[in-house]
Each structure stands twice: as structure tokens, then as C-alpha cells.
Amino acid sequence: MIADPLTSVAFSGHRTYCGDAAEALRRTVGELYARGFRTFLSGMAVGFDLAAAEAVLELRERVPGVRLVAAIPFRGQESRFSPADRERFRRVLAAADSVEMLAPAYHRGCYAVRNDFLVDNARVLVAWYDGSPGGTRYTVRRALGRGLEVLDLHPAAPALPAPEPTLFG
């Protein structure tokens, strides 16, 4: 359960992320905490999602009131990960304050459901977006369309994509 989406942050980024912005990520999480954000949602994918979750857990060791929510698209998501990433996933999952299992098994569109959940339950989206198509682009567009603040940590960040059209504009 997300206590208050207005004090929640979601993360979305490419699986190809390999620690390139670790310091910027830690700094951003700390700055968001200083602004009053207390709940952080990770989609638990390999790459940026797990790195962001780990940055939140590091912050939680130093300051009170930080919550990590693991938003898992389907039971067994980690079975497709490398052994090292599977262990990392399990370690983060065990430390999470809450787990949202969004589907009992893989189904077409389950990652979009997870991405919608992240955006619908946050006020800020921290992204690692390089301009390529896929789930991160979808999530950034949806966040912009819903009026979320989007912080892109990619060093060669392109212009953010046009927001996803909504029924109201």
C-alpha cells in the first residue's frame, strides 16, 4: 500500500544501466528526502530499478521514515535474471518495507501495468532515460502526461518525449 502518493517517488530506467550515475542517484534520493518525500517505489527490474532501490536502502540506514516499495510485475520476475542479479533482487526484496505483486504470473502487458502503477502512485519520477523506445520512454511520457515532476539522470539526456495524451487534453 502506498501511504501518500504526494510524498512518493517512482523510478524507471533502462536495464542497460550499470552504475554510471550512482553518485547522482544517491544525491537525488537524499534531496528528495529533504523535500519531504518518504516513500520510494522500485519496479525491481535489472539495471536502474535495482540500483535506485539500493540507493533508497542506503538512505534508510541514515535517516528515519524512508520506505521502499517493491512493485513486482509478476511472481517469478527474477527467474529471468542472471544469478548475480537474482541474488541482488532477493536482497532488495527482503529489505523492502512493502511488496506489491501486480500479477500472479507473466502475461502480455504486465510490464506496462507495473509502469502505470509506478506513475499512478507517485508525484516524482526519477529516470535513466536515453531516448530509446521501450518501457522507460512509455513511463516518462505517462508521467509527464499526468503532471509528475520528471528528473532524468542520464548524462546525455535527450529532450523528454511529448507527454502521453490523456482523455482531458
Foldseek 3Di string as FASTA:
>chain_A
DQPAQALEEEEEEDLPADCPCLVVLLVVLVVSVVVPRAEYEAQLHHHPRLSNLVSQVVVCVPDPRHAYEHEYLEPPPLVPPDPVSSVSSVVSVVVGPYYHHNYHHDDPCSLVVSLCVNLVRHQEYEYQDAPDDDDRLLSQQQNVCVNHHYHHPHPNHDPRDHHDDDPVD
